[in-house]
Amino acid sequence: MIIDWEGFGRMPSGFDAGLFHAYSLTMPATAARIRAAFPDVFGTQEGRMGELVALAQLLQVTERGGHPELAPHLARRAEQLTGIPVPMPPAAAA
């Protein structure tokens, strides 16, 4: 069971699953399991938008020094979803 009340009811549909997925991107097998567990989120346009909001928020956190190991993974996932490369500072792109 997964419970996350922080933004409950205030964020776009798919945000919570997208955030959960984003934090798992450094562990590909876990990320795949999360995507498989939430097909109603990751398989819809609405869920895709919620995931993009989660990715954008975490990318802002990485720019401020939080979770630097996630930055390239977040950028890669955002590019997979949009087809547009995410500009990254040189240090974060490693």
N, C-alpha and C. Protein backbone atom coordinates (compact mmCIF):
# COMPACT_ATOMS: atom_id res chain seq x y z
N MET A 1 0.84 -1.17 0.00
CA MET A 1 0.00 0.00 0.00
C MET A 1 0.89 1.23 0.00
N ILE A 2 0.51 2.23 -0.79
CA ILE A 2 1.27 3.47 -0.88
C ILE A 2 0.34 4.62 -0.51
N ILE A 3 0.77 5.45 0.44
CA ILE A 3 -0.04 6.59 0.84
C ILE A 3 0.84 7.83 0.79
N ASP A 4 0.32 8.89 0.17
CA ASP A 4 1.02 10.16 0.09
C ASP A 4 -0.02 11.27 0.21
N TRP A 5 -0.05 11.95 1.34
CA TRP A 5 -1.08 12.96 1.57
C TRP A 5 -0.60 14.38 1.30
N GLU A 6 0.66 14.57 0.99
CA GLU A 6 1.22 15.92 0.90
C GLU A 6 0.43 16.85 -0.01
N GLY A 7 0.14 16.43 -1.23
CA GLY A 7 -0.58 17.30 -2.15
C GLY A 7 -1.95 16.76 -2.50
N PHE A 8 -2.49 15.89 -1.65
CA PHE A 8 -3.73 15.18 -1.97
C PHE A 8 -4.85 16.14 -2.39
N GLY A 9 -5.36 15.89 -3.57
CA GLY A 9 -6.48 16.67 -4.08
C GLY A 9 -6.12 18.04 -4.63
N ARG A 10 -4.84 18.41 -4.58
CA ARG A 10 -4.44 19.74 -5.04
C ARG A 10 -3.56 19.70 -6.28
N MET A 11 -3.13 18.53 -6.67
CA MET A 11 -2.24 18.41 -7.81
C MET A 11 -2.98 17.72 -8.95
N PRO A 12 -2.44 17.82 -10.17
CA PRO A 12 -3.10 17.16 -11.31
C PRO A 12 -3.15 15.64 -11.14
N SER A 13 -4.13 15.05 -11.76
CA SER A 13 -4.23 13.59 -11.76
C SER A 13 -2.94 13.01 -12.30
N GLY A 14 -2.44 11.99 -11.65
CA GLY A 14 -1.19 11.36 -12.08
C GLY A 14 0.04 11.91 -11.39
N PHE A 15 -0.10 13.01 -10.67
CA PHE A 15 1.06 13.63 -10.03
C PHE A 15 1.70 12.69 -9.01
N ASP A 16 0.90 12.11 -8.12
CA ASP A 16 1.47 11.28 -7.06
C ASP A 16 2.19 10.06 -7.63
N ALA A 17 1.57 9.36 -8.56
CA ALA A 17 2.23 8.21 -9.18
C ALA A 17 3.46 8.67 -9.96
N GLY A 18 3.37 9.82 -10.62
CA GLY A 18 4.50 10.36 -11.36
C GLY A 18 5.66 10.71 -10.46
N LEU A 19 5.36 11.27 -9.30
CA LEU A 19 6.42 11.62 -8.34
C LEU A 19 7.07 10.35 -7.77
N PHE A 20 6.24 9.40 -7.43
CA PHE A 20 6.73 8.11 -6.94
C PHE A 20 7.65 7.48 -7.99
N HIS A 21 7.22 7.50 -9.24
CA HIS A 21 8.01 6.95 -10.34
C HIS A 21 9.31 7.73 -10.51
N ALA A 22 9.23 9.05 -10.46
CA ALA A 22 10.42 9.89 -10.65
C ALA A 22 11.50 9.58 -9.63
N TYR A 23 11.11 9.38 -8.38
CA TYR A 23 12.09 9.07 -7.34
C TYR A 23 12.72 7.69 -7.55
N SER A 24 12.08 6.82 -8.33
CA SER A 24 12.60 5.48 -8.55
C SER A 24 13.46 5.36 -9.81
N LEU A 25 13.61 6.43 -10.56
CA LEU A 25 14.29 6.35 -11.86
C LEU A 25 15.74 5.89 -11.79
N THR A 26 16.37 5.99 -10.64
CA THR A 26 17.75 5.49 -10.53
C THR A 26 17.78 3.97 -10.38
N MET A 27 16.60 3.35 -10.22
CA MET A 27 16.46 1.90 -10.09
C MET A 27 15.49 1.42 -11.17
N PRO A 28 15.99 1.14 -12.37
CA PRO A 28 15.12 0.82 -13.51
C PRO A 28 14.09 -0.28 -13.26
N ALA A 29 14.46 -1.33 -12.56
CA ALA A 29 13.50 -2.42 -12.31
C ALA A 29 12.34 -1.93 -11.44
N THR A 30 12.65 -1.12 -10.44
CA THR A 30 11.61 -0.57 -9.58
C THR A 30 10.73 0.40 -10.37
N ALA A 31 11.33 1.23 -11.19
CA ALA A 31 10.57 2.16 -12.01
C ALA A 31 9.62 1.42 -12.94
N ALA A 32 10.08 0.33 -13.52
CA ALA A 32 9.22 -0.47 -14.40
C ALA A 32 8.05 -1.07 -13.63
N ARG A 33 8.30 -1.52 -12.41
CA ARG A 33 7.21 -2.08 -11.59
C ARG A 33 6.19 -1.01 -11.25
N ILE A 34 6.63 0.21 -11.00
CA ILE A 34 5.71 1.29 -10.68
C ILE A 34 4.86 1.62 -11.91
N ARG A 35 5.49 1.70 -13.07
CA ARG A 35 4.72 1.97 -14.31
C ARG A 35 3.68 0.87 -14.53
N ALA A 36 4.07 -0.38 -14.29
CA ALA A 36 3.15 -1.50 -14.48
C ALA A 36 2.01 -1.48 -13.46
N ALA A 37 2.28 -0.98 -12.26
CA ALA A 37 1.26 -0.95 -11.20
C ALA A 37 0.21 0.14 -11.41
N PHE A 38 0.54 1.15 -12.22
CA PHE A 38 -0.38 2.26 -12.43
C PHE A 38 -0.66 2.50 -13.91
N PRO A 39 -1.18 1.48 -14.63
CA PRO A 39 -1.42 1.66 -16.06
C PRO A 39 -2.48 2.73 -16.35
N ASP A 40 -3.39 2.93 -15.40
CA ASP A 40 -4.42 3.95 -15.58
C ASP A 40 -3.86 5.36 -15.48
N VAL A 41 -2.65 5.49 -14.96
CA VAL A 41 -1.99 6.79 -14.88
C VAL A 41 -1.01 6.94 -16.05
N PHE A 42 -0.09 6.00 -16.16
CA PHE A 42 0.98 6.14 -17.14
C PHE A 42 0.51 5.89 -18.57
N GLY A 43 -0.68 5.32 -18.73
CA GLY A 43 -1.19 5.05 -20.06
C GLY A 43 -2.17 6.09 -20.57
N THR A 44 -2.30 7.22 -19.88
CA THR A 44 -3.27 8.24 -20.28
C THR A 44 -2.60 9.60 -20.47
N GLN A 45 -3.24 10.43 -21.27
CA GLN A 45 -2.75 11.79 -21.48
C GLN A 45 -2.80 12.59 -20.18
N GLU A 46 -3.87 12.42 -19.41
CA GLU A 46 -4.01 13.13 -18.14
C GLU A 46 -2.90 12.72 -17.17
N GLY A 47 -2.61 11.41 -17.10
CA GLY A 47 -1.54 10.92 -16.24
C GLY A 47 -0.18 11.42 -16.69
N ARG A 48 0.01 11.49 -17.99
CA ARG A 48 1.27 11.99 -18.56
C ARG A 48 1.50 13.44 -18.12
N MET A 49 0.45 14.23 -18.13
CA MET A 49 0.59 15.63 -17.72
C MET A 49 0.93 15.73 -16.22
N GLY A 50 0.29 14.90 -15.41
CA GLY A 50 0.61 14.88 -13.98
C GLY A 50 2.04 14.46 -13.73
N GLU A 51 2.50 13.48 -14.50
CA GLU A 51 3.89 13.04 -14.37
C GLU A 51 4.84 14.16 -14.77
N LEU A 52 4.52 14.88 -15.82
CA LEU A 52 5.38 15.99 -16.25
C LEU A 52 5.46 17.08 -15.18
N VAL A 53 4.37 17.34 -14.49
CA VAL A 53 4.39 18.31 -13.39
C VAL A 53 5.33 17.82 -12.29
N ALA A 54 5.23 16.54 -11.95
CA ALA A 54 6.11 15.98 -10.92
C ALA A 54 7.58 16.07 -11.35
N LEU A 55 7.85 15.75 -12.61
CA LEU A 55 9.23 15.84 -13.10
C LEU A 55 9.74 17.27 -13.05
N ALA A 56 8.90 18.22 -13.44
CA ALA A 56 9.31 19.63 -13.41
C ALA A 56 9.63 20.08 -11.98
N GLN A 57 8.80 19.68 -11.03
CA GLN A 57 9.06 20.06 -9.64
C GLN A 57 10.39 19.47 -9.14
N LEU A 58 10.61 18.21 -9.45
CA LEU A 58 11.86 17.59 -9.00
C LEU A 58 13.08 18.17 -9.72
N LEU A 59 12.93 18.53 -10.98
CA LEU A 59 14.05 19.18 -11.68
C LEU A 59 14.40 20.50 -11.01
N GLN A 60 13.41 21.23 -10.52
CA GLN A 60 13.69 22.47 -9.78
C GLN A 60 14.44 22.16 -8.49
N VAL A 61 14.05 21.10 -7.82
CA VAL A 61 14.74 20.69 -6.59
C VAL A 61 16.21 20.37 -6.89
N THR A 62 16.46 19.66 -8.00
CA THR A 62 17.84 19.31 -8.33
C THR A 62 18.66 20.54 -8.67
N GLU A 63 18.04 21.54 -9.29
CA GLU A 63 18.77 22.78 -9.59
C GLU A 63 19.20 23.50 -8.33
N ARG A 64 18.48 23.27 -7.24
CA ARG A 64 18.81 23.90 -5.96
C ARG A 64 19.70 23.02 -5.10
N GLY A 65 20.17 21.89 -5.68
CA GLY A 65 21.11 21.04 -4.97
C GLY A 65 20.52 19.79 -4.35
N GLY A 66 19.21 19.62 -4.41
CA GLY A 66 18.59 18.43 -3.82
C GLY A 66 18.57 17.27 -4.80
N HIS A 67 18.84 16.10 -4.34
CA HIS A 67 18.80 14.87 -5.13
C HIS A 67 19.55 15.00 -6.47
N PRO A 68 20.80 15.43 -6.45
CA PRO A 68 21.52 15.64 -7.71
C PRO A 68 21.63 14.38 -8.57
N GLU A 69 21.61 13.20 -7.93
CA GLU A 69 21.71 11.95 -8.69
C GLU A 69 20.49 11.72 -9.59
N LEU A 70 19.39 12.39 -9.29
CA LEU A 70 18.17 12.22 -10.09
C LEU A 70 18.15 13.05 -11.37
N ALA A 71 18.90 14.14 -11.40
CA ALA A 71 18.79 15.12 -12.49
C ALA A 71 18.85 14.50 -13.89
N PRO A 72 19.86 13.70 -14.23
CA PRO A 72 19.89 13.17 -15.60
C PRO A 72 18.74 12.21 -15.88
N HIS A 73 18.30 11.49 -14.87
CA HIS A 73 17.19 10.54 -15.04
C HIS A 73 15.88 11.29 -15.26
N LEU A 74 15.68 12.36 -14.51
CA LEU A 74 14.47 13.17 -14.67
C LEU A 74 14.43 13.80 -16.05
N ALA A 75 15.56 14.34 -16.48
CA ALA A 75 15.63 14.97 -17.81
C ALA A 75 15.36 13.96 -18.91
N ARG A 76 15.92 12.77 -18.77
CA ARG A 76 15.72 11.72 -19.77
C ARG A 76 14.24 11.31 -19.85
N ARG A 77 13.60 11.16 -18.69
CA ARG A 77 12.19 10.77 -18.67
C ARG A 77 11.32 11.87 -19.27
N ALA A 78 11.61 13.12 -18.94
CA ALA A 78 10.84 14.23 -19.51
C ALA A 78 10.99 14.25 -21.02
N GLU A 79 12.19 13.98 -21.51
CA GLU A 79 12.41 13.94 -22.96
C GLU A 79 11.65 12.77 -23.59
N GLN A 80 11.59 11.64 -22.89
CA GLN A 80 10.82 10.50 -23.40
C GLN A 80 9.35 10.87 -23.55
N LEU A 81 8.83 11.64 -22.62
CA LEU A 81 7.41 11.99 -22.62
C LEU A 81 7.07 13.10 -23.61
N THR A 82 8.02 14.00 -23.85
CA THR A 82 7.72 15.17 -24.69
C THR A 82 8.41 15.15 -26.05
N GLY A 83 9.50 14.41 -26.15
CA GLY A 83 10.29 14.44 -27.38
C GLY A 83 11.19 15.65 -27.48
N ILE A 84 11.27 16.42 -26.40
CA ILE A 84 12.06 17.65 -26.38
C ILE A 84 13.15 17.51 -25.31
N PRO A 85 14.42 17.70 -25.69
CA PRO A 85 15.50 17.63 -24.69
C PRO A 85 15.34 18.70 -23.62
N VAL A 86 15.66 18.33 -22.39
CA VAL A 86 15.61 19.26 -21.26
C VAL A 86 16.99 19.87 -21.10
N PRO A 87 17.11 21.20 -21.17
CA PRO A 87 18.43 21.82 -20.96
C PRO A 87 18.87 21.60 -19.51
N MET A 88 20.10 21.12 -19.37
CA MET A 88 20.64 20.84 -18.04
C MET A 88 21.96 21.57 -17.85
N PRO A 89 22.20 22.04 -16.63
CA PRO A 89 23.53 22.59 -16.34
C PRO A 89 24.57 21.50 -16.56
N PRO A 90 25.78 21.84 -17.01
CA PRO A 90 26.80 20.82 -17.29
C PRO A 90 27.05 19.83 -16.17
N ALA A 91 27.09 20.31 -14.92
CA ALA A 91 27.36 19.42 -13.79
C ALA A 91 26.24 18.42 -13.59
N ALA A 92 25.00 18.80 -13.87
CA ALA A 92 23.85 17.91 -13.66
C ALA A 92 23.68 16.91 -14.79
N ALA A 93 24.24 17.19 -15.93
CA ALA A 93 24.05 16.33 -17.11
C ALA A 93 24.89 15.08 -17.07
N ALA A 94 25.80 14.97 -16.12
CA ALA A 94 26.71 13.82 -16.05
C ALA A 94 25.99 12.52 -15.81
